[in-house]
Amino acid sequence: MPAYPDHIHRHPDGSIDFDRYRAEAMVLRNHAMAETSKLSAFFKVLVIAAVTVAAIAVAPANNGAGATCRDCPAETAADETAPAKPSGLSQSSIVPQHPPVY
């Protein structure tokens, strides 16, 4: 018997049992891939939640019922003291004051 025990798994004929090492490596690899999959899914959910919270924080505030609209017809009809538009310009030639939001 050797002075130090041999921790290498061998077949009865003395050859190394490579199939056992392959099986152990496959089990470890599958376990690591499953854990990585769970971890990446967790991080995806975390990133989606962070982006949603950031989008809500950056979104413009709603001014509520007291908000004014410069393009509303009811508001222009109520303002009788407003100066009339120049007669030389048609409605389609008026340039908007702000670009449209897409």
PDB file of N, CA and C in Angstrom:
ATOM      1  N   MET A   1       0.845  -1.169   0.000  1.00  0.00           N
ATOM      2  CA  MET A   1       0.000   0.000   0.000  1.00  0.00           C
ATOM      3  C   MET A   1       0.890   1.231   0.000  1.00  0.00           C
ATOM      4  N   PRO A   2       0.550   2.243  -0.839  1.00  0.00           N
ATOM      5  CA  PRO A   2       1.407   3.427  -0.899  1.00  0.00           C
ATOM      6  C   PRO A   2       1.311   4.243   0.381  1.00  0.00           C
ATOM      7  N   ALA A   3       2.304   5.094   0.613  1.00  0.00           N
ATOM      8  CA  ALA A   3       2.346   5.918   1.819  1.00  0.00           C
ATOM      9  C   ALA A   3       1.216   6.950   1.810  1.00  0.00           C
ATOM     10  N   TYR A   4       0.907   7.474   0.632  1.00  0.00           N
ATOM     11  CA  TYR A   4      -0.188   8.436   0.499  1.00  0.00           C
ATOM     12  C   TYR A   4      -1.306   7.780  -0.314  1.00  0.00           C
ATOM     13  N   PRO A   5      -2.522   7.852   0.187  1.00  0.00           N
ATOM     14  CA  PRO A   5      -3.596   7.213  -0.585  1.00  0.00           C
ATOM     15  C   PRO A   5      -3.820   7.938  -1.919  1.00  0.00           C
ATOM     16  N   ASP A   6      -4.163   7.162  -2.911  1.00  0.00           N
ATOM     17  CA  ASP A   6      -4.401   7.698  -4.247  1.00  0.00           C
ATOM     18  C   ASP A   6      -5.860   8.154  -4.328  1.00  0.00           C
ATOM     19  N   HIS A   7      -6.113   9.455  -4.547  1.00  0.00           N
ATOM     20  CA  HIS A   7      -7.473   9.984  -4.600  1.00  0.00           C
ATOM     21  C   HIS A   7      -8.019  10.027  -6.023  1.00  0.00           C
ATOM     22  N   ILE A   8      -7.321   9.402  -6.935  1.00  0.00           N
ATOM     23  CA  ILE A   8      -7.773   9.349  -8.314  1.00  0.00           C
ATOM     24  C   ILE A   8      -8.645   8.111  -8.464  1.00  0.00           C
ATOM     25  N   HIS A   9      -9.846   8.322  -9.029  1.00  0.00           N
ATOM     26  CA  HIS A   9     -10.752   7.196  -9.225  1.00  0.00           C
ATOM     27  C   HIS A   9     -10.273   6.377 -10.418  1.00  0.00           C
ATOM     28  N   ARG A  10     -10.157   5.069 -10.173  1.00  0.00           N
ATOM     29  CA  ARG A  10      -9.640   4.170 -11.205  1.00  0.00           C
ATOM     30  C   ARG A  10     -10.576   2.983 -11.384  1.00  0.00           C
ATOM     31  N   HIS A  11     -10.484   2.404 -12.574  1.00  0.00           N
ATOM     32  CA  HIS A  11     -11.193   1.155 -12.849  1.00  0.00           C
ATOM     33  C   HIS A  11     -10.435   0.021 -12.157  1.00  0.00           C
ATOM     34  N   PRO A  12     -11.075  -1.156 -12.041  1.00  0.00           N
ATOM     35  CA  PRO A  12     -10.374  -2.285 -11.397  1.00  0.00           C
ATOM     36  C   PRO A  12      -9.072  -2.690 -12.090  1.00  0.00           C
ATOM     37  N   ASP A  13      -8.963  -2.368 -13.395  1.00  0.00           N
ATOM     38  CA  ASP A  13      -7.720  -2.720 -14.087  1.00  0.00           C
ATOM     39  C   ASP A  13      -6.617  -1.681 -13.873  1.00  0.00           C
ATOM     40  N   GLY A  14      -6.918  -0.594 -13.125  1.00  0.00           N
ATOM     41  CA  GLY A  14      -5.904   0.412 -12.825  1.00  0.00           C
ATOM     42  C   GLY A  14      -5.965   1.653 -13.705  1.00  0.00           C
ATOM     43  N   SER A  15      -6.798   1.657 -14.751  1.00  0.00           N
ATOM     44  CA  SER A  15      -6.895   2.836 -15.610  1.00  0.00           C
ATOM     45  C   SER A  15      -7.784   3.899 -14.952  1.00  0.00           C
ATOM     46  N   ILE A  16      -7.534   5.141 -15.303  1.00  0.00           N
ATOM     47  CA  ILE A  16      -8.262   6.257 -14.700  1.00  0.00           C
ATOM     48  C   ILE A  16      -9.699   6.259 -15.223  1.00  0.00           C
ATOM     49  N   ASP A  17     -10.655   6.523 -14.316  1.00  0.00           N
ATOM     50  CA  ASP A  17     -12.078   6.552 -14.657  1.00  0.00           C
ATOM     51  C   ASP A  17     -12.449   7.963 -15.131  1.00  0.00           C
ATOM     52  N   PHE A  18     -12.198   8.208 -16.435  1.00  0.00           N
ATOM     53  CA  PHE A  18     -12.479   9.541 -16.995  1.00  0.00           C
ATOM     54  C   PHE A  18     -13.974   9.830 -17.070  1.00  0.00           C
ATOM     55  N   ASP A  19     -14.789   8.788 -17.265  1.00  0.00           N
ATOM     56  CA  ASP A  19     -16.228   8.989 -17.363  1.00  0.00           C
ATOM     57  C   ASP A  19     -16.806   9.575 -16.073  1.00  0.00           C
ATOM     58  N   ARG A  20     -16.288   9.158 -14.943  1.00  0.00           N
ATOM     59  CA  ARG A  20     -16.775   9.716 -13.683  1.00  0.00           C
ATOM     60  C   ARG A  20     -16.434  11.203 -13.596  1.00  0.00           C
ATOM     61  N   TYR A  21     -15.239  11.583 -13.999  1.00  0.00           N
ATOM     62  CA  TYR A  21     -14.842  13.002 -13.960  1.00  0.00           C
ATOM     63  C   TYR A  21     -15.661  13.828 -14.956  1.00  0.00           C
ATOM     64  N   ARG A  22     -15.954  13.230 -16.127  1.00  0.00           N
ATOM     65  CA  ARG A  22     -16.810  13.930 -17.090  1.00  0.00           C
ATOM     66  C   ARG A  22     -18.205  14.148 -16.528  1.00  0.00           C
ATOM     67  N   ALA A  23     -18.747  13.132 -15.870  1.00  0.00           N
ATOM     68  CA  ALA A  23     -20.087  13.236 -15.296  1.00  0.00           C
ATOM     69  C   ALA A  23     -20.126  14.297 -14.195  1.00  0.00           C
ATOM     70  N   GLU A  24     -19.104  14.319 -13.337  1.00  0.00           N
ATOM     71  CA  GLU A  24     -19.046  15.331 -12.285  1.00  0.00           C
ATOM     72  C   GLU A  24     -18.932  16.733 -12.875  1.00  0.00           C
ATOM     73  N   ALA A  25     -18.119  16.869 -13.911  1.00  0.00           N
ATOM     74  CA  ALA A  25     -17.962  18.174 -14.557  1.00  0.00           C
ATOM     75  C   ALA A  25     -19.267  18.611 -15.212  1.00  0.00           C
ATOM     76  N   MET A  26     -20.006  17.669 -15.824  1.00  0.00           N
ATOM     77  CA  MET A  26     -21.277  18.022 -16.452  1.00  0.00           C
ATOM     78  C   MET A  26     -22.298  18.463 -15.404  1.00  0.00           C
ATOM     79  N   VAL A  27     -22.329  17.801 -14.270  1.00  0.00           N
ATOM     80  CA  VAL A  27     -23.253  18.198 -13.209  1.00  0.00           C
ATOM     81  C   VAL A  27     -22.912  19.604 -12.724  1.00  0.00           C
ATOM     82  N   LEU A  28     -21.646  19.881 -12.490  1.00  0.00           N
ATOM     83  CA  LEU A  28     -21.234  21.212 -12.048  1.00  0.00           C
ATOM     84  C   LEU A  28     -21.539  22.277 -13.101  1.00  0.00           C
ATOM     85  N   ARG A  29     -21.289  21.957 -14.361  1.00  0.00           N
ATOM     86  CA  ARG A  29     -21.558  22.903 -15.445  1.00  0.00           C
ATOM     87  C   ARG A  29     -23.052  23.202 -15.551  1.00  0.00           C
ATOM     88  N   ASN A  30     -23.893  22.166 -15.487  1.00  0.00           N
ATOM     89  CA  ASN A  30     -25.339  22.372 -15.560  1.00  0.00           C
ATOM     90  C   ASN A  30     -25.842  23.198 -14.376  1.00  0.00           C
ATOM     91  N   HIS A  31     -25.306  22.929 -13.218  1.00  0.00           N
ATOM     92  CA  HIS A  31     -25.695  23.704 -12.032  1.00  0.00           C
ATOM     93  C   HIS A  31     -25.285  25.170 -12.190  1.00  0.00           C
ATOM     94  N   ALA A  32     -24.095  25.412 -12.668  1.00  0.00           N
ATOM     95  CA  ALA A  32     -23.628  26.789 -12.856  1.00  0.00           C
ATOM     96  C   ALA A  32     -24.461  27.512 -13.915  1.00  0.00           C
ATOM     97  N   MET A  33     -24.815  26.819 -14.995  1.00  0.00           N
ATOM     98  CA  MET A  33     -25.632  27.447 -16.036  1.00  0.00           C
ATOM     99  C   MET A  33     -27.027  27.772 -15.518  1.00  0.00           C
ATOM    100  N   ALA A  34     -27.598  26.904 -14.690  1.00  0.00           N
ATOM    101  CA  ALA A  34     -28.924  27.165 -14.118  1.00  0.00           C
ATOM    102  C   ALA A  34     -28.868  28.366 -13.184  1.00  0.00           C
ATOM    103  N   GLU A  35     -27.839  28.444 -12.357  1.00  0.00           N
ATOM    104  CA  GLU A  35     -27.695  29.578 -11.443  1.00  0.00           C
ATOM    105  C   GLU A  35     -27.472  30.876 -12.209  1.00  0.00           C
ATOM    106  N   THR A  36     -26.690  30.821 -13.273  1.00  0.00           N
ATOM    107  CA  THR A  36     -26.453  32.008 -14.090  1.00  0.00           C
ATOM    108  C   THR A  36     -27.737  32.466 -14.758  1.00  0.00           C
ATOM    109  N   SER A  37     -28.542  31.513 -15.212  1.00  0.00           N
ATOM    110  CA  SER A  37     -29.811  31.845 -15.840  1.00  0.00           C
ATOM    111  C   SER A  37     -30.738  32.545 -14.850  1.00  0.00           C
ATOM    112  N   LYS A  38     -30.809  32.026 -13.632  1.00  0.00           N
ATOM    113  CA  LYS A  38     -31.644  32.652 -12.600  1.00  0.00           C
ATOM    114  C   LYS A  38     -31.128  34.047 -12.258  1.00  0.00           C
ATOM    115  N   LEU A  39     -29.812  34.191 -12.166  1.00  0.00           N
ATOM    116  CA  LEU A  39     -29.217  35.472 -11.815  1.00  0.00           C
ATOM    117  C   LEU A  39     -29.431  36.494 -12.927  1.00  0.00           C
ATOM    118  N   SER A  40     -29.292  36.074 -14.177  1.00  0.00           N
ATOM    119  CA  SER A  40     -29.493  37.025 -15.269  1.00  0.00           C
ATOM    120  C   SER A  40     -30.964  37.436 -15.361  1.00  0.00           C
ATOM    121  N   ALA A  41     -31.890  36.525 -15.077  1.00  0.00           N
ATOM    122  CA  ALA A  41     -33.308  36.880 -15.068  1.00  0.00           C
ATOM    123  C   ALA A  41     -33.587  37.879 -13.956  1.00  0.00           C
ATOM    124  N   PHE A  42     -32.970  37.704 -12.809  1.00  0.00           N
ATOM    125  CA  PHE A  42     -33.140  38.647 -11.699  1.00  0.00           C
ATOM    126  C   PHE A  42     -32.623  40.025 -12.077  1.00  0.00           C
ATOM    127  N   PHE A  43     -31.467  40.075 -12.717  1.00  0.00           N
ATOM    128  CA  PHE A  43     -30.910  41.367 -13.108  1.00  0.00           C
ATOM    129  C   PHE A  43     -31.748  42.028 -14.204  1.00  0.00           C
ATOM    130  N   LYS A  44     -32.341  41.253 -15.099  1.00  0.00           N
ATOM    131  CA  LYS A  44     -33.220  41.827 -16.116  1.00  0.00           C
ATOM    132  C   LYS A  44     -34.427  42.476 -15.454  1.00  0.00           C
ATOM    133  N   VAL A  45     -35.037  41.798 -14.482  1.00  0.00           N
ATOM    134  CA  VAL A  45     -36.181  42.362 -13.768  1.00  0.00           C
ATOM    135  C   VAL A  45     -35.753  43.609 -13.008  1.00  0.00           C
ATOM    136  N   LEU A  46     -34.583  43.573 -12.401  1.00  0.00           N
ATOM    137  CA  LEU A  46     -34.078  44.719 -11.660  1.00  0.00           C
ATOM    138  C   LEU A  46     -33.843  45.915 -12.577  1.00  0.00           C
ATOM    139  N   VAL A  47     -33.277  45.690 -13.745  1.00  0.00           N
ATOM    140  CA  VAL A  47     -33.030  46.780 -14.700  1.00  0.00           C
ATOM    141  C   VAL A  47     -34.352  47.349 -15.218  1.00  0.00           C
ATOM    142  N   ILE A  48     -35.313  46.488 -15.510  1.00  0.00           N
ATOM    143  CA  ILE A  48     -36.615  46.969 -15.978  1.00  0.00           C
ATOM    144  C   ILE A  48     -37.281  47.818 -14.905  1.00  0.00           C
ATOM    145  N   ALA A  49     -37.211  47.399 -13.656  1.00  0.00           N
ATOM    146  CA  ALA A  49     -37.803  48.178 -12.567  1.00  0.00           C
ATOM    147  C   ALA A  49     -37.090  49.524 -12.411  1.00  0.00           C
ATOM    148  N   ALA A  50     -35.763  49.530 -12.514  1.00  0.00           N
ATOM    149  CA  ALA A  50     -35.012  50.776 -12.384  1.00  0.00           C
ATOM    150  C   ALA A  50     -35.330  51.737 -13.523  1.00  0.00           C
ATOM    151  N   VAL A  51     -35.443  51.232 -14.737  1.00  0.00           N
ATOM    152  CA  VAL A  51     -35.770  52.085 -15.882  1.00  0.00           C
ATOM    153  C   VAL A  51     -37.185  52.646 -15.732  1.00  0.00           C
ATOM    154  N   THR A  52     -38.108  51.837 -15.246  1.00  0.00           N
ATOM    155  CA  THR A  52     -39.481  52.310 -15.035  1.00  0.00           C
ATOM    156  C   THR A  52     -39.527  53.412 -13.996  1.00  0.00           C
ATOM    157  N   VAL A  53     -38.829  53.226 -12.887  1.00  0.00           N
ATOM    158  CA  VAL A  53     -38.799  54.257 -11.842  1.00  0.00           C
ATOM    159  C   VAL A  53     -38.136  55.526 -12.375  1.00  0.00           C
ATOM    160  N   ALA A  54     -37.078  55.401 -13.136  1.00  0.00           N
ATOM    161  CA  ALA A  54     -36.408  56.573 -13.706  1.00  0.00           C
ATOM    162  C   ALA A  54     -37.316  57.290 -14.699  1.00  0.00           C
ATOM    163  N   ALA A  55     -38.063  56.540 -15.500  1.00  0.00           N
ATOM    164  CA  ALA A  55     -38.972  57.160 -16.466  1.00  0.00           C
ATOM    165  C   ALA A  55     -40.091  57.908 -15.758  1.00  0.00           C
ATOM    166  N   ILE A  56     -40.577  57.364 -14.669  1.00  0.00           N
ATOM    167  CA  ILE A  56     -41.617  58.041 -13.900  1.00  0.00           C
ATOM    168  C   ILE A  56     -41.061  59.302 -13.257  1.00  0.00           C
ATOM    169  N   ALA A  57     -39.835  59.231 -12.769  1.00  0.00           N
ATOM    170  CA  ALA A  57     -39.230  60.398 -12.115  1.00  0.00           C
ATOM    171  C   ALA A  57     -38.940  61.518 -13.105  1.00  0.00           C
ATOM    172  N   VAL A  58     -38.625  61.173 -14.345  1.00  0.00           N
ATOM    173  CA  VAL A  58     -38.252  62.173 -15.343  1.00  0.00           C
ATOM    174  C   VAL A  58     -39.470  62.694 -16.108  1.00  0.00           C
ATOM    175  N   ALA A  59     -40.577  61.972 -16.055  1.00  0.00           N
ATOM    176  CA  ALA A  59     -41.775  62.353 -16.810  1.00  0.00           C
ATOM    177  C   ALA A  59     -42.267  63.734 -16.372  1.00  0.00           C
ATOM    178  N   PRO A  60     -42.797  64.525 -17.312  1.00  0.00           N
ATOM    179  CA  PRO A  60     -43.292  65.848 -16.941  1.00  0.00           C
ATOM    180  C   PRO A  60     -44.516  65.734 -16.036  1.00  0.00           C
ATOM    181  N   ALA A  61     -44.635  66.699 -15.143  1.00  0.00           N
ATOM    182  CA  ALA A  61     -45.734  66.689 -14.192  1.00  0.00           C
ATOM    183  C   ALA A  61     -47.021  67.154 -14.861  1.00  0.00           C
ATOM    184  N   ASN A  62     -48.131  66.608 -14.427  1.00  0.00           N
ATOM    185  CA  ASN A  62     -49.441  67.044 -14.894  1.00  0.00           C
ATOM    186  C   ASN A  62     -49.833  68.248 -14.045  1.00  0.00           C
ATOM    187  N   ASN A  63     -50.201  69.341 -14.684  1.00  0.00           N
ATOM    188  CA  ASN A  63     -50.504  70.563 -13.940  1.00  0.00           C
ATOM    189  C   ASN A  63     -51.899  70.555 -13.350  1.00  0.00           C
ATOM    190  N   GLY A  64     -52.697  69.570 -13.600  1.00  0.00           N
ATOM    191  CA  GLY A  64     -54.007  69.444 -12.982  1.00  0.00           C
ATOM    192  C   GLY A  64     -55.075  70.234 -13.706  1.00  0.00           C
ATOM    193  N   ALA A  65     -56.170  70.517 -12.993  1.00  0.00           N
ATOM    194  CA  ALA A  65     -57.325  71.164 -13.593  1.00  0.00           C
ATOM    195  C   ALA A  65     -57.058  72.632 -13.913  1.00  0.00           C
ATOM    196  N   GLY A  66     -56.109  73.253 -13.247  1.00  0.00           N
ATOM    197  CA  GLY A  66     -55.823  74.664 -13.475  1.00  0.00           C
ATOM    198  C   GLY A  66     -54.869  74.914 -14.628  1.00  0.00           C
ATOM    199  N   ALA A  67     -54.542  73.879 -15.382  1.00  0.00           N
ATOM    200  CA  ALA A  67     -53.604  74.039 -16.490  1.00  0.00           C
ATOM    201  C   ALA A  67     -54.252  74.834 -17.607  1.00  0.00           C
ATOM    202  N   THR A  68     -53.437  75.608 -18.284  1.00  0.00           N
ATOM    203  CA  THR A  68     -53.941  76.387 -19.410  1.00  0.00           C
ATOM    204  C   THR A  68     -53.436  75.801 -20.706  1.00  0.00           C
ATOM    205  N   CYS A  69     -54.197  75.992 -21.733  1.00  0.00           N
ATOM    206  CA  CYS A  69     -53.828  75.476 -23.049  1.00  0.00           C
ATOM    207  C   CYS A  69     -53.923  76.620 -24.040  1.00  0.00           C
ATOM    208  N   ARG A  70     -52.832  76.933 -24.697  1.00  0.00           N
ATOM    209  CA  ARG A  70     -52.874  78.081 -25.605  1.00  0.00           C
ATOM    210  C   ARG A  70     -53.509  77.739 -26.951  1.00  0.00           C
ATOM    211  N   ASP A  71     -53.706  76.457 -27.214  1.00  0.00           N
ATOM    212  CA  ASP A  71     -54.328  76.060 -28.471  1.00  0.00           C
ATOM    213  C   ASP A  71     -55.792  75.661 -28.299  1.00  0.00           C
ATOM    214  N   CYS A  72     -56.338  75.762 -27.091  1.00  0.00           N
ATOM    215  CA  CYS A  72     -57.718  75.352 -26.848  1.00  0.00           C
ATOM    216  C   CYS A  72     -58.686  76.382 -27.414  1.00  0.00           C
ATOM    217  N   PRO A  73     -59.719  75.946 -28.172  1.00  0.00           N
ATOM    218  CA  PRO A  73     -60.671  76.900 -28.740  1.00  0.00           C
ATOM    219  C   PRO A  73     -61.536  77.560 -27.670  1.00  0.00           C
ATOM    220  N   ALA A  74     -61.847  76.888 -26.596  1.00  0.00           N
ATOM    221  CA  ALA A  74     -62.686  77.478 -25.551  1.00  0.00           C
ATOM    222  C   ALA A  74     -61.976  78.651 -24.903  1.00  0.00           C
ATOM    223  N   GLU A  75     -60.706  78.542 -24.744  1.00  0.00           N
ATOM    224  CA  GLU A  75     -59.944  79.610 -24.099  1.00  0.00           C
ATOM    225  C   GLU A  75     -59.834  80.836 -25.014  1.00  0.00           C
ATOM    226  N   THR A  76     -59.664  80.630 -26.308  1.00  0.00           N
ATOM    227  CA  THR A  76     -59.564  81.776 -27.222  1.00  0.00           C
ATOM    228  C   THR A  76     -60.908  82.449 -27.406  1.00  0.00           C
ATOM    229  N   ALA A  77     -61.998  81.661 -27.340  1.00  0.00           N
ATOM    230  CA  ALA A  77     -63.324  82.263 -27.461  1.00  0.00           C
ATOM    231  C   ALA A  77     -63.643  83.092 -26.232  1.00  0.00           C
ATOM    232  N   ALA A  78     -63.146  82.697 -25.085  1.00  0.00           N
ATOM    233  CA  ALA A  78     -63.432  83.419 -23.855  1.00  0.00           C
ATOM    234  C   ALA A  78     -62.633  84.718 -23.799  1.00  0.00           C
ATOM    235  N   ASP A  79     -61.488  84.765 -24.486  1.00  0.00           N
ATOM    236  CA  ASP A  79     -60.637  85.954 -24.445  1.00  0.00           C
ATOM    237  C   ASP A  79     -61.017  86.877 -25.594  1.00  0.00           C
ATOM    238  N   GLU A  80     -61.985  87.770 -25.355  1.00  0.00           N
ATOM    239  CA  GLU A  80     -62.484  88.671 -26.386  1.00  0.00           C
ATOM    240  C   GLU A  80     -61.540  89.853 -26.629  1.00  0.00           C
ATOM    241  N   THR A  81     -60.646  90.143 -25.682  1.00  0.00           N
ATOM    242  CA  THR A  81     -59.769  91.295 -25.811  1.00  0.00           C
ATOM    243  C   THR A  81     -58.494  90.986 -26.581  1.00  0.00           C
ATOM    244  N   ALA A  82     -58.316  89.750 -26.996  1.00  0.00           N
ATOM    245  CA  ALA A  82     -57.102  89.378 -27.724  1.00  0.00           C
ATOM    246  C   ALA A  82     -57.100  90.053 -29.088  1.00  0.00           C
ATOM    247  N   PRO A  83     -55.938  90.504 -29.551  1.00  0.00           N
ATOM    248  CA  PRO A  83     -55.882  91.152 -30.855  1.00  0.00           C
ATOM    249  C   PRO A  83     -56.194  90.159 -31.957  1.00  0.00           C
ATOM    250  N   ALA A  84     -56.812  90.634 -33.011  1.00  0.00           N
ATOM    251  CA  ALA A  84     -57.176  89.776 -34.137  1.00  0.00           C
ATOM    252  C   ALA A  84     -55.921  89.365 -34.896  1.00  0.00           C
ATOM    253  N   LYS A  85     -55.994  88.219 -35.557  1.00  0.00           N
ATOM    254  CA  LYS A  85     -54.879  87.731 -36.353  1.00  0.00           C
ATOM    255  C   LYS A  85     -54.797  88.575 -37.619  1.00  0.00           C
ATOM    256  N   PRO A  86     -53.605  88.763 -38.140  1.00  0.00           N
ATOM    257  CA  PRO A  86     -53.481  89.518 -39.386  1.00  0.00           C
ATOM    258  C   PRO A  86     -54.274  88.836 -40.493  1.00  0.00           C
ATOM    259  N   SER A  87     -54.964  89.629 -41.282  1.00  0.00           N
ATOM    260  CA  SER A  87     -55.820  89.061 -42.316  1.00  0.00           C
ATOM    261  C   SER A  87     -55.028  88.531 -43.504  1.00  0.00           C
ATOM    262  N   GLY A  88     -53.766  88.927 -43.666  1.00  0.00           N
ATOM    263  CA  GLY A  88     -52.957  88.500 -44.801  1.00  0.00           C
ATOM    264  C   GLY A  88     -52.486  87.063 -44.677  1.00  0.00           C
ATOM    265  N   LEU A  89     -52.531  86.470 -43.485  1.00  0.00           N
ATOM    266  CA  LEU A  89     -52.048  85.111 -43.294  1.00  0.00           C
ATOM    267  C   LEU A  89     -53.213  84.146 -43.195  1.00  0.00           C
ATOM    268  N   SER A  90     -53.100  83.037 -43.864  1.00  0.00           N
ATOM    269  CA  SER A  90     -54.130  82.010 -43.734  1.00  0.00           C
ATOM    270  C   SER A  90     -53.818  81.161 -42.504  1.00  0.00           C
ATOM    271  N   GLN A  91     -54.764  80.348 -42.095  1.00  0.00           N
ATOM    272  CA  GLN A  91     -54.588  79.501 -40.917  1.00  0.00           C
ATOM    273  C   GLN A  91     -53.450  78.500 -41.146  1.00  0.00           C
ATOM    274  N   SER A  92     -53.272  78.057 -42.388  1.00  0.00           N
ATOM    275  CA  SER A  92     -52.243  77.054 -42.659  1.00  0.00           C
ATOM    276  C   SER A  92     -50.838  77.653 -42.713  1.00  0.00           C
ATOM    277  N   SER A  93     -50.710  78.970 -42.834  1.00  0.00           N
ATOM    278  CA  SER A  93     -49.377  79.560 -42.917  1.00  0.00           C
ATOM    279  C   SER A  93     -48.830  79.974 -41.560  1.00  0.00           C
ATOM    280  N   ILE A  94     -49.588  79.774 -40.489  1.00  0.00           N
ATOM    281  CA  ILE A  94     -49.099  80.132 -39.157  1.00  0.00           C
ATOM    282  C   ILE A  94     -48.114  79.067 -38.698  1.00  0.00           C
ATOM    283  N   VAL A  95     -46.962  79.495 -38.262  1.00  0.00           N
ATOM    284  CA  VAL A  95     -45.916  78.589 -37.807  1.00  0.00           C
ATOM    285  C   VAL A  95     -46.174  78.277 -36.340  1.00  0.00           C
ATOM    286  N   PRO A  96     -46.153  77.007 -35.958  1.00  0.00           N
ATOM    287  CA  PRO A  96     -46.396  76.674 -34.551  1.00  0.00           C
ATOM    288  C   PRO A  96     -45.261  77.211 -33.670  1.00  0.00           C
ATOM    289  N   GLN A  97     -45.607  77.548 -32.449  1.00  0.00           N
ATOM    290  CA  GLN A  97     -44.624  78.097 -31.524  1.00  0.00           C
ATOM    291  C   GLN A  97     -43.762  77.008 -30.882  1.00  0.00           C
ATOM    292  N   HIS A  98     -44.221  75.796 -30.881  1.00  0.00           N
ATOM    293  CA  HIS A  98     -43.457  74.703 -30.288  1.00  0.00           C
ATOM    294  C   HIS A  98     -43.541  73.501 -31.212  1.00  0.00           C
ATOM    295  N   PRO A  99     -42.488  72.690 -31.284  1.00  0.00           N
ATOM    296  CA  PRO A  99     -42.505  71.526 -32.176  1.00  0.00           C
ATOM    297  C   PRO A  99     -43.441  70.455 -31.614  1.00  0.00           C
ATOM    298  N   PRO A 100     -43.995  69.612 -32.479  1.00  0.00           N
ATOM    299  CA  PRO A 100     -44.888  68.565 -31.981  1.00  0.00           C
ATOM    300  C   PRO A 100     -44.089  67.513 -31.211  1.00  0.00           C
ATOM    301  N   VAL A 101     -44.727  66.907 -30.234  1.00  0.00           N
ATOM    302  CA  VAL A 101     -44.109  65.857 -29.435  1.00  0.00           C
ATOM    303  C   VAL A 101     -44.554  64.521 -30.009  1.00  0.00           C
ATOM    304  N   TYR A 102     -43.611  63.685 -30.356  1.00  0.00           N
ATOM    305  CA  TYR A 102     -43.937  62.381 -30.933  1.00  0.00           C
ATOM    306  C   TYR A 102     -43.822  61.318 -29.907  1.00  0.00           C
TER     307      TYR A 102
END
